[in-house]
């Protein structure tokens, strides 16, 4: 599904694992991400503005490239 843009509205994730998922360009604004793991996920260009319960500790090995973080900051790691 490379190149597709996803938009999620009113997303609530509880005890969800997005292990090795391609979530590039996904809109997760204001999502509730309780106990959600993004280990090894591709979060390039994803929009997490205002997402609650997001934990960077649940992103081991994740790819960030111009990712908008919950606080509005932009994160790119070694790309």
PDB file of N, CA and C in Angstrom:
ATOM      1  N   UNK A   1       0.823  -1.187   0.000  1.00  0.00           N
ATOM      2  CA  UNK A   1       0.000   0.000   0.000  1.00  0.00           C
ATOM      3  C   UNK A   1       0.868   1.251   0.000  1.00  0.00           C
ATOM      4  N   UNK A   2       2.040   1.141  -0.506  1.00  0.00           N
ATOM      5  CA  UNK A   2       2.963   2.259  -0.535  1.00  0.00           C
ATOM      6  C   UNK A   2       2.358   3.423  -1.325  1.00  0.00           C
ATOM      7  N   UNK A   3       2.508   4.621  -0.774  1.00  0.00           N
ATOM      8  CA  UNK A   3       2.042   5.813  -1.456  1.00  0.00           C
ATOM      9  C   UNK A   3       0.608   6.204  -1.145  1.00  0.00           C
ATOM     10  N   UNK A   4      -0.114   5.363  -0.467  1.00  0.00           N
ATOM     11  CA  UNK A   4      -1.484   5.717  -0.103  1.00  0.00           C
ATOM     12  C   UNK A   4      -1.475   6.608   1.126  1.00  0.00           C
ATOM     13  N   UNK A   5      -2.444   7.479   1.205  1.00  0.00           N
ATOM     14  CA  UNK A   5      -2.575   8.339   2.377  1.00  0.00           C
ATOM     15  C   UNK A   5      -3.817   7.890   3.135  1.00  0.00           C
ATOM     16  N   UNK A   6      -3.632   7.683   4.443  1.00  0.00           N
ATOM     17  CA  UNK A   6      -4.736   7.231   5.268  1.00  0.00           C
ATOM     18  C   UNK A   6      -5.176   8.354   6.184  1.00  0.00           C
ATOM     19  N   UNK A   7      -6.447   8.423   6.447  1.00  0.00           N
ATOM     20  CA  UNK A   7      -6.955   9.388   7.403  1.00  0.00           C
ATOM     21  C   UNK A   7      -7.895   8.651   8.345  1.00  0.00           C
ATOM     22  N   UNK A   8      -7.597   8.741   9.615  1.00  0.00           N
ATOM     23  CA  UNK A   8      -8.406   8.074  10.628  1.00  0.00           C
ATOM     24  C   UNK A   8      -9.058   9.142  11.489  1.00  0.00           C
ATOM     25  N   UNK A   9     -10.324   9.010  11.736  1.00  0.00           N
ATOM     26  CA  UNK A   9     -11.034   9.972  12.567  1.00  0.00           C
ATOM     27  C   UNK A   9     -11.569   9.263  13.807  1.00  0.00           C
ATOM     28  N   UNK A  10     -11.429   9.948  14.919  1.00  0.00           N
ATOM     29  CA  UNK A  10     -11.912   9.426  16.199  1.00  0.00           C
ATOM     30  C   UNK A  10     -11.364   8.035  16.494  1.00  0.00           C
ATOM     31  N   UNK A  11     -10.088   7.892  16.308  1.00  0.00           N
ATOM     32  CA  UNK A  11      -9.434   6.602  16.529  1.00  0.00           C
ATOM     33  C   UNK A  11      -9.210   6.383  18.017  1.00  0.00           C
ATOM     34  N   UNK A  12      -9.589   5.208  18.487  1.00  0.00           N
ATOM     35  CA  UNK A  12      -9.319   4.796  19.857  1.00  0.00           C
ATOM     36  C   UNK A  12      -8.652   3.427  19.774  1.00  0.00           C
ATOM     37  N   UNK A  13      -7.407   3.356  20.249  1.00  0.00           N
ATOM     38  CA  UNK A  13      -6.660   2.096  20.237  1.00  0.00           C
ATOM     39  C   UNK A  13      -6.311   1.731  21.672  1.00  0.00           C
ATOM     40  N   UNK A  14      -6.696   0.581  22.101  1.00  0.00           N
ATOM     41  CA  UNK A  14      -6.346   0.089  23.420  1.00  0.00           C
ATOM     42  C   UNK A  14      -5.694  -1.272  23.279  1.00  0.00           C
ATOM     43  N   UNK A  15      -4.507  -1.411  23.829  1.00  0.00           N
ATOM     44  CA  UNK A  15      -3.752  -2.653  23.752  1.00  0.00           C
ATOM     45  C   UNK A  15      -3.640  -3.137  22.306  1.00  0.00           C
ATOM     46  N   UNK A  16      -3.191  -2.215  21.444  1.00  0.00           N
ATOM     47  CA  UNK A  16      -3.080  -2.492  20.015  1.00  0.00           C
ATOM     48  C   UNK A  16      -1.610  -2.518  19.614  1.00  0.00           C
ATOM     49  N   UNK A  17      -1.245  -3.446  18.753  1.00  0.00           N
ATOM     50  CA  UNK A  17       0.126  -3.533  18.265  1.00  0.00           C
ATOM     51  C   UNK A  17       0.193  -3.282  16.767  1.00  0.00           C
ATOM     52  N   UNK A  18       0.884  -2.209  16.380  1.00  0.00           N
ATOM     53  CA  UNK A  18       1.137  -1.913  14.977  1.00  0.00           C
ATOM     54  C   UNK A  18       2.574  -2.313  14.660  1.00  0.00           C
ATOM     55  N   UNK A  19       2.930  -3.545  14.976  1.00  0.00           N
ATOM     56  CA  UNK A  19       4.280  -4.046  14.785  1.00  0.00           C
ATOM     57  C   UNK A  19       4.602  -4.148  13.296  1.00  0.00           C
ATOM     58  N   UNK A  20       5.704  -3.509  12.894  1.00  0.00           N
ATOM     59  CA  UNK A  20       6.182  -3.578  11.512  1.00  0.00           C
ATOM     60  C   UNK A  20       5.139  -3.079  10.505  1.00  0.00           C
ATOM     61  N   UNK A  21       4.249  -2.201  10.922  1.00  0.00           N
ATOM     62  CA  UNK A  21       3.190  -1.679  10.046  1.00  0.00           C
ATOM     63  C   UNK A  21       3.679  -0.456   9.281  1.00  0.00           C
ATOM     64  N   UNK A  22       3.203  -0.308   8.059  1.00  0.00           N
ATOM     65  CA  UNK A  22       3.494   0.886   7.272  1.00  0.00           C
ATOM     66  C   UNK A  22       2.371   1.895   7.517  1.00  0.00           C
ATOM     67  N   UNK A  23       2.635   2.851   8.400  1.00  0.00           N
ATOM     68  CA  UNK A  23       1.661   3.885   8.740  1.00  0.00           C
ATOM     69  C   UNK A  23       2.103   5.244   8.189  1.00  0.00           C
ATOM     70  N   UNK A  24       2.936   5.215   7.137  1.00  0.00           N
ATOM     71  CA  UNK A  24       3.402   6.473   6.564  1.00  0.00           C
ATOM     72  C   UNK A  24       2.219   7.269   6.021  1.00  0.00           C
ATOM     73  N   UNK A  25       2.259   8.561   6.254  1.00  0.00           N
ATOM     74  CA  UNK A  25       1.240   9.518   5.825  1.00  0.00           C
ATOM     75  C   UNK A  25      -0.111   9.324   6.530  1.00  0.00           C
ATOM     76  N   UNK A  26      -0.163   8.559   7.587  1.00  0.00           N
ATOM     77  CA  UNK A  26      -1.415   8.329   8.305  1.00  0.00           C
ATOM     78  C   UNK A  26      -1.752   9.520   9.198  1.00  0.00           C
ATOM     79  N   UNK A  27      -3.015   9.915   9.198  1.00  0.00           N
ATOM     80  CA  UNK A  27      -3.494  10.988  10.057  1.00  0.00           C
ATOM     81  C   UNK A  27      -4.065  10.361  11.329  1.00  0.00           C
ATOM     82  N   UNK A  28      -3.351  10.525  12.429  1.00  0.00           N
ATOM     83  CA  UNK A  28      -3.804  10.025  13.728  1.00  0.00           C
ATOM     84  C   UNK A  28      -4.029  11.189  14.697  1.00  0.00           C
ATOM     85  N   UNK A  29      -4.434  12.324  14.170  1.00  0.00           N
ATOM     86  CA  UNK A  29      -4.683  13.494  15.014  1.00  0.00           C
ATOM     87  C   UNK A  29      -5.731  13.165  16.072  1.00  0.00           C
ATOM     88  N   UNK A  30      -5.410  13.570  17.286  1.00  0.00           N
ATOM     89  CA  UNK A  30      -6.311  13.431  18.433  1.00  0.00           C
ATOM     90  C   UNK A  30      -6.708  11.975  18.725  1.00  0.00           C
ATOM     91  N   UNK A  31      -5.943  11.020  18.212  1.00  0.00           N
ATOM     92  CA  UNK A  31      -6.231   9.611  18.502  1.00  0.00           C
ATOM     93  C   UNK A  31      -5.924   9.315  19.966  1.00  0.00           C
ATOM     94  N   UNK A  32      -6.625   8.368  20.517  1.00  0.00           N
ATOM     95  CA  UNK A  32      -6.371   7.887  21.874  1.00  0.00           C
ATOM     96  C   UNK A  32      -5.609   6.569  21.710  1.00  0.00           C
ATOM     97  N   UNK A  33      -4.355   6.569  22.169  1.00  0.00           N
ATOM     98  CA  UNK A  33      -3.445   5.455  21.889  1.00  0.00           C
ATOM     99  C   UNK A  33      -3.023   4.743  23.172  1.00  0.00           C
ATOM    100  N   UNK A  34      -3.976   4.325  23.969  1.00  0.00           N
ATOM    101  CA  UNK A  34      -3.712   3.653  25.230  1.00  0.00           C
ATOM    102  C   UNK A  34      -3.045   2.300  24.992  1.00  0.00           C
ATOM    103  N   UNK A  35      -1.856   2.108  25.593  1.00  0.00           N
ATOM    104  CA  UNK A  35      -1.118   0.851  25.490  1.00  0.00           C
ATOM    105  C   UNK A  35      -0.966   0.390  24.037  1.00  0.00           C
ATOM    106  N   UNK A  36      -0.640   1.332  23.164  1.00  0.00           N
ATOM    107  CA  UNK A  36      -0.463   1.037  21.744  1.00  0.00           C
ATOM    108  C   UNK A  36       1.020   0.996  21.412  1.00  0.00           C
ATOM    109  N   UNK A  37       1.424  -0.042  20.691  1.00  0.00           N
ATOM    110  CA  UNK A  37       2.828  -0.215  20.328  1.00  0.00           C
ATOM    111  C   UNK A  37       3.031   0.037  18.835  1.00  0.00           C
ATOM    112  N   UNK A  38       4.105   0.767  18.534  1.00  0.00           N
ATOM    113  CA  UNK A  38       4.491   1.047  17.157  1.00  0.00           C
ATOM    114  C   UNK A  38       5.882   0.488  16.870  1.00  0.00           C
ATOM    115  N   UNK A  39       6.258  -0.588  17.534  1.00  0.00           N
ATOM    116  CA  UNK A  39       7.587  -1.176  17.353  1.00  0.00           C
ATOM    117  C   UNK A  39       7.825  -1.541  15.883  1.00  0.00           C
ATOM    118  N   UNK A  40       8.949  -1.051  15.337  1.00  0.00           N
ATOM    119  CA  UNK A  40       9.368  -1.305  13.957  1.00  0.00           C
ATOM    120  C   UNK A  40       8.390  -0.782  12.906  1.00  0.00           C
ATOM    121  N   UNK A  41       7.477   0.093  13.288  1.00  0.00           N
ATOM    122  CA  UNK A  41       6.514   0.669  12.342  1.00  0.00           C
ATOM    123  C   UNK A  41       7.136   1.823  11.568  1.00  0.00           C
ATOM    124  N   UNK A  42       6.622   2.065  10.381  1.00  0.00           N
ATOM    125  CA  UNK A  42       7.031   3.212   9.577  1.00  0.00           C
ATOM    126  C   UNK A  42       6.033   4.337   9.843  1.00  0.00           C
ATOM    127  N   UNK A  43       6.479   5.367  10.561  1.00  0.00           N
ATOM    128  CA  UNK A  43       5.634   6.517  10.887  1.00  0.00           C
ATOM    129  C   UNK A  43       6.074   7.757  10.104  1.00  0.00           C
ATOM    130  N   UNK A  44       6.730   7.556   8.971  1.00  0.00           N
ATOM    131  CA  UNK A  44       7.175   8.670   8.144  1.00  0.00           C
ATOM    132  C   UNK A  44       5.987   9.516   7.696  1.00  0.00           C
ATOM    133  N   UNK A  45       6.096  10.814   7.902  1.00  0.00           N
ATOM    134  CA  UNK A  45       5.083  11.783   7.487  1.00  0.00           C
ATOM    135  C   UNK A  45       3.730  11.566   8.169  1.00  0.00           C
ATOM    136  N   UNK A  46       3.680  10.759   9.220  1.00  0.00           N
ATOM    137  CA  UNK A  46       2.434  10.569   9.965  1.00  0.00           C
ATOM    138  C   UNK A  46       2.151  11.820  10.795  1.00  0.00           C
ATOM    139  N   UNK A  47       0.881  12.069  11.061  1.00  0.00           N
ATOM    140  CA  UNK A  47       0.451  13.224  11.848  1.00  0.00           C
ATOM    141  C   UNK A  47      -0.179  12.725  13.146  1.00  0.00           C
ATOM    142  N   UNK A  48       0.528  12.927  14.255  1.00  0.00           N
ATOM    143  CA  UNK A  48       0.067  12.488  15.570  1.00  0.00           C
ATOM    144  C   UNK A  48      -0.344  13.670  16.456  1.00  0.00           C
ATOM    145  N   UNK A  49      -0.537  14.850  15.857  1.00  0.00           N
ATOM    146  CA  UNK A  49      -0.862  16.040  16.656  1.00  0.00           C
ATOM    147  C   UNK A  49      -2.051  15.790  17.568  1.00  0.00           C
ATOM    148  N   UNK A  50      -1.854  16.109  18.834  1.00  0.00           N
ATOM    149  CA  UNK A  50      -2.927  16.003  19.808  1.00  0.00           C
ATOM    150  C   UNK A  50      -3.265  14.587  20.241  1.00  0.00           C
ATOM    151  N   UNK A  51      -2.523  13.599  19.770  1.00  0.00           N
ATOM    152  CA  UNK A  51      -2.787  12.214  20.186  1.00  0.00           C
ATOM    153  C   UNK A  51      -2.494  12.073  21.681  1.00  0.00           C
ATOM    154  N   UNK A  52      -3.350  11.365  22.374  1.00  0.00           N
ATOM    155  CA  UNK A  52      -3.142  11.182  23.807  1.00  0.00           C
ATOM    156  C   UNK A  52      -2.662   9.766  24.097  1.00  0.00           C
ATOM    157  N   UNK A  53      -1.913   9.659  25.181  1.00  0.00           N
ATOM    158  CA  UNK A  53      -1.337   8.397  25.662  1.00  0.00           C
ATOM    159  C   UNK A  53      -0.288   7.819  24.720  1.00  0.00           C
ATOM    160  N   UNK A  54       0.233   8.618  23.782  1.00  0.00           N
ATOM    161  CA  UNK A  54       1.326   8.174  22.917  1.00  0.00           C
ATOM    162  C   UNK A  54       2.590   8.093  23.745  1.00  0.00           C
ATOM    163  N   UNK A  55       3.336   7.007  23.596  1.00  0.00           N
ATOM    164  CA  UNK A  55       4.584   6.849  24.333  1.00  0.00           C
ATOM    165  C   UNK A  55       5.717   6.517  23.365  1.00  0.00           C
ATOM    166  N   UNK A  56       6.752   7.355  23.362  1.00  0.00           N
ATOM    167  CA  UNK A  56       7.908   7.094  22.510  1.00  0.00           C
ATOM    168  C   UNK A  56       8.585   5.782  22.913  1.00  0.00           C
ATOM    169  N   UNK A  57       8.390   5.342  24.142  1.00  0.00           N
ATOM    170  CA  UNK A  57       8.947   4.066  24.606  1.00  0.00           C
ATOM    171  C   UNK A  57       8.289   2.869  23.928  1.00  0.00           C
ATOM    172  N   UNK A  58       7.157   3.097  23.273  1.00  0.00           N
ATOM    173  CA  UNK A  58       6.453   2.027  22.559  1.00  0.00           C
ATOM    174  C   UNK A  58       6.738   2.076  21.064  1.00  0.00           C
ATOM    175  N   UNK A  59       7.887   2.670  20.711  1.00  0.00           N
ATOM    176  CA  UNK A  59       8.250   2.843  19.299  1.00  0.00           C
ATOM    177  C   UNK A  59       9.644   2.304  19.012  1.00  0.00           C
ATOM    178  N   UNK A  60      10.010   1.211  19.632  1.00  0.00           N
ATOM    179  CA  UNK A  60      11.353   0.650  19.427  1.00  0.00           C
ATOM    180  C   UNK A  60      11.543   0.260  17.959  1.00  0.00           C
ATOM    181  N   UNK A  61      12.564   0.824  17.332  1.00  0.00           N
ATOM    182  CA  UNK A  61      12.866   0.506  15.941  1.00  0.00           C
ATOM    183  C   UNK A  61      11.967   1.193  14.925  1.00  0.00           C
ATOM    184  N   UNK A  62      11.081   2.066  15.373  1.00  0.00           N
ATOM    185  CA  UNK A  62      10.172   2.756  14.451  1.00  0.00           C
ATOM    186  C   UNK A  62      10.935   3.775  13.609  1.00  0.00           C
ATOM    187  N   UNK A  63      10.422   4.036  12.422  1.00  0.00           N
ATOM    188  CA  UNK A  63      11.002   5.017  11.511  1.00  0.00           C
ATOM    189  C   UNK A  63      10.209   6.314  11.597  1.00  0.00           C
ATOM    190  N   UNK A  64      10.929   7.404  11.877  1.00  0.00           N
ATOM    191  CA  UNK A  64      10.333   8.735  11.911  1.00  0.00           C
ATOM    192  C   UNK A  64      11.007   9.578  10.838  1.00  0.00           C
ATOM    193  N   UNK A  65      10.259  10.124   9.913  1.00  0.00           N
ATOM    194  CA  UNK A  65      10.779  11.018   8.892  1.00  0.00           C
ATOM    195  C   UNK A  65       9.736  12.112   8.686  1.00  0.00           C
ATOM    196  N   UNK A  66      10.038  13.290   9.177  1.00  0.00           N
ATOM    197  CA  UNK A  66       9.104  14.416   9.129  1.00  0.00           C
ATOM    198  C   UNK A  66       7.760  14.047   9.752  1.00  0.00           C
ATOM    199  N   UNK A  67       7.817  13.277  10.819  1.00  0.00           N
ATOM    200  CA  UNK A  67       6.629  12.871  11.564  1.00  0.00           C
ATOM    201  C   UNK A  67       6.219  14.002  12.499  1.00  0.00           C
ATOM    202  N   UNK A  68       4.937  14.335  12.498  1.00  0.00           N
ATOM    203  CA  UNK A  68       4.431  15.359  13.411  1.00  0.00           C
ATOM    204  C   UNK A  68       4.027  14.658  14.704  1.00  0.00           C
ATOM    205  N   UNK A  69       4.732  15.004  15.773  1.00  0.00           N
ATOM    206  CA  UNK A  69       4.527  14.368  17.062  1.00  0.00           C
ATOM    207  C   UNK A  69       3.319  14.982  17.787  1.00  0.00           C
ATOM    208  N   UNK A  70       2.827  14.333  18.857  1.00  0.00           N
ATOM    209  CA  UNK A  70       1.645  14.842  19.566  1.00  0.00           C
ATOM    210  C   UNK A  70       1.748  16.299  20.025  1.00  0.00           C
ATOM    211  N   UNK A  71       2.955  16.756  20.345  1.00  0.00           N
ATOM    212  CA  UNK A  71       3.124  18.142  20.797  1.00  0.00           C
ATOM    213  C   UNK A  71       3.308  19.124  19.637  1.00  0.00           C
ATOM    214  N   UNK A  72       3.244  18.628  18.397  1.00  0.00           N
ATOM    215  CA  UNK A  72       3.385  19.476  17.221  1.00  0.00           C
ATOM    216  C   UNK A  72       4.808  19.568  16.696  1.00  0.00           C
ATOM    217  N   UNK A  73       5.773  19.016  17.406  1.00  0.00           N
ATOM    218  CA  UNK A  73       7.161  19.037  16.939  1.00  0.00           C
ATOM    219  C   UNK A  73       7.321  18.057  15.769  1.00  0.00           C
ATOM    220  N   UNK A  74       8.362  18.277  14.977  1.00  0.00           N
ATOM    221  CA  UNK A  74       8.653  17.413  13.845  1.00  0.00           C
ATOM    222  C   UNK A  74       9.835  16.528  14.220  1.00  0.00           C
ATOM    223  N   UNK A  75       9.715  15.224  13.952  1.00  0.00           N
ATOM    224  CA  UNK A  75      10.792  14.290  14.293  1.00  0.00           C
ATOM    225  C   UNK A  75      11.253  13.556  13.045  1.00  0.00           C
ATOM    226  N   UNK A  76      12.553  13.530  12.848  1.00  0.00           N
ATOM    227  CA  UNK A  76      13.195  12.736  11.796  1.00  0.00           C
ATOM    228  C   UNK A  76      14.414  12.081  12.417  1.00  0.00           C
ATOM    229  N   UNK A  77      14.503  10.787  12.317  1.00  0.00           N
ATOM    230  CA  UNK A  77      15.602  10.047  12.921  1.00  0.00           C
ATOM    231  C   UNK A  77      16.477   9.414  11.867  1.00  0.00           C
ATOM    232  N   UNK A  78      17.650   9.989  11.645  1.00  0.00           N
ATOM    233  CA  UNK A  78      18.674   9.373  10.829  1.00  0.00           C
ATOM    234  C   UNK A  78      18.299   9.031   9.416  1.00  0.00           C
ATOM    235  N   UNK A  79      17.411   9.745   8.825  1.00  0.00           N
ATOM    236  CA  UNK A  79      17.013   9.471   7.443  1.00  0.00           C
ATOM    237  C   UNK A  79      17.852  10.334   6.523  1.00  0.00           C
TER     238      UNK A  79
END
